Amino acid sequence: MAEVNVTVTIGKERYKTEVSNGRNIVIADEPESMGGTDQGLGPKELLLSSLGSCTAITLRMYADRKQWDLQEVIITVKMEVVPSSHQQTTYIKNHIKLIGNLDDDQRQRLLQIAELCPVHKILSNPIVIDSNLVP
């Protein structure tokens, strides 16, 4: 898989950031209750939207390839962080609604395919984050 890069920039405006891949820009922010200006999705919402959009795209690709009558996919992604004395555990629930003329076997196969989306695989496996300062 090719390397994926984004650049995130924040200035003096409280918590508003620009996220860019060099072609597109997304605004991220915190809600006013957290001191932000609520001009975009919060960082955790962006994380969940990555999973939801990747799942939806993966399902659309698969259904199109199989020529199944999948009219629409609606995904609601929820996250709960449960702290403990040793480590916190994050629970992500990916609620998938499939609209179309699909039989039970097709629906079950699409559920299996949903868990094969690239972002699901990333989040389901160990992640190593290496932060450093650059000149």
C-alpha atoms as a PDB file:
ATOM      1  CA  MET A   1       0.000   0.000   0.000  1.00  0.00           C
ATOM      2  CA  ALA A   2       1.278   3.454  -0.850  1.00  0.00           C
ATOM      3  CA  GLU A   3       2.150   5.896   1.880  1.00  0.00           C
ATOM      4  CA  VAL A   4      -0.677   8.257   2.821  1.00  0.00           C
ATOM      5  CA  ASN A   5       0.076  11.804   3.959  1.00  0.00           C
ATOM      6  CA  VAL A   6      -1.927  14.699   5.303  1.00  0.00           C
ATOM      7  CA  THR A   7      -0.740  18.043   6.600  1.00  0.00           C
ATOM      8  CA  VAL A   8      -2.554  19.642   9.523  1.00  0.00           C
ATOM      9  CA  THR A   9      -2.098  23.359  10.197  1.00  0.00           C
ATOM     10  CA  ILE A  10      -3.351  25.457  13.107  1.00  0.00           C
ATOM     11  CA  GLY A  11      -2.881  29.184  13.532  1.00  0.00           C
ATOM     12  CA  LYS A  12      -4.044  31.569  16.235  1.00  0.00           C
ATOM     13  CA  GLU A  13      -7.776  30.855  15.810  1.00  0.00           C
ATOM     14  CA  ARG A  14      -8.680  28.616  18.727  1.00  0.00           C
ATOM     15  CA  TYR A  15      -8.604  24.969  17.678  1.00  0.00           C
ATOM     16  CA  LYS A  16      -9.628  25.444  14.031  1.00  0.00           C
ATOM     17  CA  THR A  17      -7.294  23.338  11.897  1.00  0.00           C
ATOM     18  CA  GLU A  18      -6.948  22.792   8.187  1.00  0.00           C
ATOM     19  CA  VAL A  19      -6.332  19.224   7.108  1.00  0.00           C
ATOM     20  CA  SER A  20      -4.943  18.891   3.593  1.00  0.00           C
ATOM     21  CA  ASN A  21      -3.839  16.051   1.365  1.00  0.00           C
ATOM     22  CA  GLY A  22      -2.479  18.504  -1.206  1.00  0.00           C
ATOM     23  CA  ARG A  23      -5.679  18.309  -3.267  1.00  0.00           C
ATOM     24  CA  ASN A  24      -8.504  18.855  -0.768  1.00  0.00           C
ATOM     25  CA  ILE A  25      -8.983  20.689   2.525  1.00  0.00           C
ATOM     26  CA  VAL A  26     -11.135  19.648   5.479  1.00  0.00           C
ATOM     27  CA  ILE A  27     -11.710  21.880   8.489  1.00  0.00           C
ATOM     28  CA  ALA A  28     -11.434  20.306  11.930  1.00  0.00           C
ATOM     29  CA  ASP A  29     -12.378  22.143  15.095  1.00  0.00           C
ATOM     30  CA  GLU A  30     -13.690  21.675  18.595  1.00  0.00           C
ATOM     31  CA  PRO A  31     -17.228  22.621  19.645  1.00  0.00           C
ATOM     32  CA  GLU A  32     -17.786  25.897  21.445  1.00  0.00           C
ATOM     33  CA  SER A  33     -18.258  23.985  24.706  1.00  0.00           C
ATOM     34  CA  MET A  34     -14.584  22.929  24.409  1.00  0.00           C
ATOM     35  CA  GLY A  35     -13.355  26.434  23.523  1.00  0.00           C
ATOM     36  CA  GLY A  36     -13.421  26.019  19.755  1.00  0.00           C
ATOM     37  CA  THR A  37     -15.539  27.739  17.130  1.00  0.00           C
ATOM     38  CA  ASP A  38     -17.355  24.594  15.861  1.00  0.00           C
ATOM     39  CA  GLN A  39     -16.359  25.170  12.221  1.00  0.00           C
ATOM     40  CA  GLY A  40     -15.753  21.505  11.472  1.00  0.00           C
ATOM     41  CA  LEU A  41     -15.771  17.978  12.796  1.00  0.00           C
ATOM     42  CA  GLY A  42     -13.811  17.281  15.949  1.00  0.00           C
ATOM     43  CA  PRO A  43     -10.749  15.009  15.808  1.00  0.00           C
ATOM     44  CA  LYS A  44     -12.615  11.993  17.208  1.00  0.00           C
ATOM     45  CA  GLU A  45     -15.465  12.594  14.773  1.00  0.00           C
ATOM     46  CA  LEU A  46     -12.943  12.653  11.930  1.00  0.00           C
ATOM     47  CA  LEU A  47     -11.568   9.313  13.115  1.00  0.00           C
ATOM     48  CA  LEU A  48     -15.055   7.791  13.164  1.00  0.00           C
ATOM     49  CA  SER A  49     -15.905   9.346   9.796  1.00  0.00           C
ATOM     50  CA  SER A  50     -12.823   7.651   8.320  1.00  0.00           C
ATOM     51  CA  LEU A  51     -14.145   4.263   9.392  1.00  0.00           C
ATOM     52  CA  GLY A  52     -17.705   5.004   8.282  1.00  0.00           C
ATOM     53  CA  SER A  53     -16.774   6.385   4.878  1.00  0.00           C
ATOM     54  CA  CYS A  54     -14.269   3.579   4.202  1.00  0.00           C
ATOM     55  CA  THR A  55     -16.891   0.988   5.133  1.00  0.00           C
ATOM     56  CA  ALA A  56     -19.516   2.604   2.898  1.00  0.00           C
ATOM     57  CA  ILE A  57     -17.118   2.873  -0.056  1.00  0.00           C
ATOM     58  CA  THR A  58     -15.996  -0.741   0.375  1.00  0.00           C
ATOM     59  CA  LEU A  59     -19.604  -1.942   0.442  1.00  0.00           C
ATOM     60  CA  ARG A  60     -20.508   0.124  -2.633  1.00  0.00           C
ATOM     61  CA  MET A  61     -17.506  -1.251  -4.559  1.00  0.00           C
ATOM     62  CA  TYR A  62     -18.344  -4.850  -3.654  1.00  0.00           C
ATOM     63  CA  ALA A  63     -22.071  -4.549  -4.403  1.00  0.00           C
ATOM     64  CA  ASP A  64     -21.357  -2.856  -7.736  1.00  0.00           C
ATOM     65  CA  ARG A  65     -18.876  -5.578  -8.702  1.00  0.00           C
ATOM     66  CA  LYS A  66     -21.458  -8.267  -7.824  1.00  0.00           C
ATOM     67  CA  GLN A  67     -24.238  -6.240  -9.494  1.00  0.00           C
ATOM     68  CA  TRP A  68     -26.351  -6.438  -6.349  1.00  0.00           C
ATOM     69  CA  ASP A  69     -29.283  -4.080  -5.817  1.00  0.00           C
ATOM     70  CA  LEU A  70     -27.731  -2.027  -3.016  1.00  0.00           C
ATOM     71  CA  GLN A  71     -29.472   1.332  -3.250  1.00  0.00           C
ATOM     72  CA  GLU A  72     -27.999   3.054  -0.206  1.00  0.00           C
ATOM     73  CA  VAL A  73     -25.757   2.462   2.783  1.00  0.00           C
ATOM     74  CA  ILE A  74     -26.280   4.444   5.992  1.00  0.00           C
ATOM     75  CA  ILE A  75     -23.631   4.040   8.656  1.00  0.00           C
ATOM     76  CA  THR A  76     -23.679   5.417  12.186  1.00  0.00           C
ATOM     77  CA  VAL A  77     -20.378   5.054  14.018  1.00  0.00           C
ATOM     78  CA  LYS A  78     -20.224   5.481  17.791  1.00  0.00           C
ATOM     79  CA  MET A  79     -17.259   5.399  20.138  1.00  0.00           C
ATOM     80  CA  GLU A  80     -16.978   4.917  23.878  1.00  0.00           C
ATOM     81  CA  VAL A  81     -13.724   5.063  25.825  1.00  0.00           C
ATOM     82  CA  VAL A  82     -13.709   3.076  29.058  1.00  0.00           C
ATOM     83  CA  PRO A  83     -10.791   3.865  31.372  1.00  0.00           C
ATOM     84  CA  SER A  84      -9.364   1.367  33.838  1.00  0.00           C
ATOM     85  CA  SER A  85      -6.418   1.303  36.213  1.00  0.00           C
ATOM     86  CA  HIS A  86      -4.143  -0.396  33.637  1.00  0.00           C
ATOM     87  CA  GLN A  87      -5.222   0.979  30.276  1.00  0.00           C
ATOM     88  CA  GLN A  88      -8.232   2.415  28.556  1.00  0.00           C
ATOM     89  CA  THR A  89     -10.311   0.395  26.130  1.00  0.00           C
ATOM     90  CA  THR A  90     -12.023   2.018  23.167  1.00  0.00           C
ATOM     91  CA  TYR A  91     -15.230   0.468  21.852  1.00  0.00           C
ATOM     92  CA  ILE A  92     -16.323   1.448  18.354  1.00  0.00           C
ATOM     93  CA  LYS A  93     -19.744   0.373  17.115  1.00  0.00           C
ATOM     94  CA  ASN A  94     -20.248   0.455  13.366  1.00  0.00           C
ATOM     95  CA  HIS A  95     -24.034   0.344  12.784  1.00  0.00           C
ATOM     96  CA  ILE A  96     -24.690  -0.448   9.108  1.00  0.00           C
ATOM     97  CA  LYS A  97     -28.056  -0.072   7.389  1.00  0.00           C
ATOM     98  CA  LEU A  98     -28.341  -1.599   3.926  1.00  0.00           C
ATOM     99  CA  ILE A  99     -31.158  -0.394   1.683  1.00  0.00           C
ATOM    100  CA  GLY A 100     -31.989  -2.352  -1.437  1.00  0.00           C
ATOM    101  CA  ASN A 101     -33.379  -5.607  -2.705  1.00  0.00           C
ATOM    102  CA  LEU A 102     -30.913  -7.955  -0.958  1.00  0.00           C
ATOM    103  CA  ASP A 103     -31.475 -11.460   0.353  1.00  0.00           C
ATOM    104  CA  ASP A 104     -30.173 -12.656   3.733  1.00  0.00           C
ATOM    105  CA  ASP A 105     -27.050 -14.244   2.231  1.00  0.00           C
ATOM    106  CA  GLN A 106     -26.148 -11.015   0.426  1.00  0.00           C
ATOM    107  CA  ARG A 107     -26.689  -8.971   3.584  1.00  0.00           C
ATOM    108  CA  GLN A 108     -24.482 -11.304   5.642  1.00  0.00           C
ATOM    109  CA  ARG A 109     -21.780 -11.245   2.975  1.00  0.00           C
ATOM    110  CA  LEU A 110     -21.848  -7.440   2.953  1.00  0.00           C
ATOM    111  CA  LEU A 111     -21.407  -7.453   6.737  1.00  0.00           C
ATOM    112  CA  GLN A 112     -18.315  -9.639   6.302  1.00  0.00           C
ATOM    113  CA  ILE A 113     -17.001  -7.309   3.581  1.00  0.00           C
ATOM    114  CA  ALA A 114     -17.574  -4.277   5.821  1.00  0.00           C
ATOM    115  CA  GLU A 115     -15.019  -5.640   8.264  1.00  0.00           C
ATOM    116  CA  LEU A 116     -12.459  -5.915   5.455  1.00  0.00           C
ATOM    117  CA  CYS A 117     -12.334  -2.203   4.673  1.00  0.00           C
ATOM    118  CA  PRO A 118      -8.791  -0.813   4.975  1.00  0.00           C
ATOM    119  CA  VAL A 119      -9.547   1.560   7.868  1.00  0.00           C
ATOM    120  CA  HIS A 120     -11.263  -1.229   9.829  1.00  0.00           C
ATOM    121  CA  LYS A 121      -8.136  -3.341   9.376  1.00  0.00           C
ATOM    122  CA  ILE A 122      -5.908  -0.478  10.561  1.00  0.00           C
ATOM    123  CA  LEU A 123      -7.999   0.162  13.665  1.00  0.00           C
ATOM    124  CA  SER A 124      -8.284  -3.561  14.472  1.00  0.00           C
ATOM    125  CA  ASN A 125      -4.557  -4.204  14.496  1.00  0.00           C
ATOM    126  CA  PRO A 126      -1.707  -2.824  16.594  1.00  0.00           C
ATOM    127  CA  ILE A 127      -0.792   0.753  15.749  1.00  0.00           C
ATOM    128  CA  VAL A 128       2.586   2.351  16.376  1.00  0.00           C
ATOM    129  CA  ILE A 129       2.685   6.160  16.437  1.00  0.00           C
ATOM    130  CA  ASP A 130       6.134   7.748  16.190  1.00  0.00           C
ATOM    131  CA  SER A 131       6.058  11.491  16.963  1.00  0.00           C
ATOM    132  CA  ASN A 132       9.114  13.667  16.402  1.00  0.00           C
ATOM    133  CA  LEU A 133      10.069  17.287  15.962  1.00  0.00           C
ATOM    134  CA  VAL A 134      11.315  18.442  12.568  1.00  0.00           C
ATOM    135  CA  PRO A 135      13.420  21.592  11.978  1.00  0.00           C
END
